[in-house]
């Protein structure tokens, strides 16, 4: 597992939904300690990835709006 998660914002450029989702998956893997969760944990893992991706998109969109002002 990589030590650092890819930076999703470079200047005014904002990451794609796919890049955000992959970074969220990497983050959840790191936090949970699961490289690949068992079937028992899959639903919780997937829900966490979606939550982190959604929060990341909200953050990046807010930063982009502020930079555009």
Protein backbone atom coordinates (compact mmCIF):
# COMPACT_ATOMS: atom_id res chain seq x y z
CA UNK A 1 0.00 0.00 0.00
CA UNK A 2 1.25 3.47 -0.89
CA UNK A 3 2.23 5.78 1.96
CA UNK A 4 0.62 8.88 0.52
CA UNK A 5 -2.63 9.46 -1.27
CA UNK A 6 -2.41 11.27 -4.59
CA UNK A 7 -3.02 15.00 -4.40
CA UNK A 8 -6.40 15.63 -5.99
CA UNK A 9 -6.04 19.34 -6.62
CA UNK A 10 -3.26 21.09 -8.49
CA UNK A 11 -3.89 24.80 -8.76
CA UNK A 12 -7.25 25.29 -10.48
CA UNK A 13 -7.42 21.73 -11.84
CA UNK A 14 -9.74 19.44 -9.88
CA UNK A 15 -9.65 15.65 -10.01
CA UNK A 16 -12.18 13.54 -11.86
CA UNK A 17 -14.81 11.51 -10.02
CA UNK A 18 -12.81 8.36 -10.82
CA UNK A 19 -9.61 9.81 -9.31
CA UNK A 20 -11.51 10.90 -6.20
CA UNK A 21 -13.09 7.45 -5.84
CA UNK A 22 -9.71 5.70 -6.16
CA UNK A 23 -8.15 8.02 -3.57
CA UNK A 24 -11.10 7.34 -1.25
CA UNK A 25 -10.61 3.59 -1.71
CA UNK A 26 -6.91 3.95 -0.91
CA UNK A 27 -7.72 6.00 2.21
CA UNK A 28 -10.25 3.44 3.47
CA UNK A 29 -7.79 0.62 2.83
CA UNK A 30 -5.17 2.45 4.88
CA UNK A 31 -7.52 3.29 7.76
CA UNK A 32 -9.19 -0.12 7.90
CA UNK A 33 -6.06 -2.18 7.36
CA UNK A 34 -7.88 -4.18 4.66
CA UNK A 35 -6.20 -4.33 1.27
CA UNK A 36 -9.19 -6.35 0.14
CA UNK A 37 -11.99 -6.69 2.69
CA UNK A 38 -13.64 -10.03 3.35
CA UNK A 39 -17.21 -10.59 2.20
CA UNK A 40 -18.24 -9.94 5.80
CA UNK A 41 -16.78 -6.41 5.71
CA UNK A 42 -17.40 -5.54 2.05
CA UNK A 43 -20.60 -3.53 2.56
CA UNK A 44 -19.08 -1.39 5.33
CA UNK A 45 -15.90 -0.91 3.27
CA UNK A 46 -17.87 0.15 0.17
CA UNK A 47 -20.07 2.52 2.19
CA UNK A 48 -16.98 4.14 3.72
CA UNK A 49 -15.41 4.60 0.27
CA UNK A 50 -18.57 6.32 -0.97
CA UNK A 51 -18.73 8.57 2.12
CA UNK A 52 -15.08 9.61 1.77
CA UNK A 53 -15.45 10.19 -1.98
CA UNK A 54 -18.55 12.34 -1.44
CA UNK A 55 -16.85 14.39 1.28
CA UNK A 56 -13.77 14.80 -0.90
CA UNK A 57 -15.85 16.02 -3.86
CA UNK A 58 -17.63 18.52 -1.58
CA UNK A 59 -14.31 19.82 -0.30
CA UNK A 60 -12.71 20.09 -3.73
CA UNK A 61 -15.74 21.82 -5.23
CA UNK A 62 -15.80 24.35 -2.37
CA UNK A 63 -12.10 25.08 -2.79
CA UNK A 64 -12.54 25.49 -6.55
CA UNK A 65 -15.41 27.94 -6.00
CA UNK A 66 -13.33 29.97 -3.59
CA UNK A 67 -10.39 30.06 -5.99
CA UNK A 68 -12.69 31.22 -8.80
CA UNK A 69 -13.73 34.32 -6.83
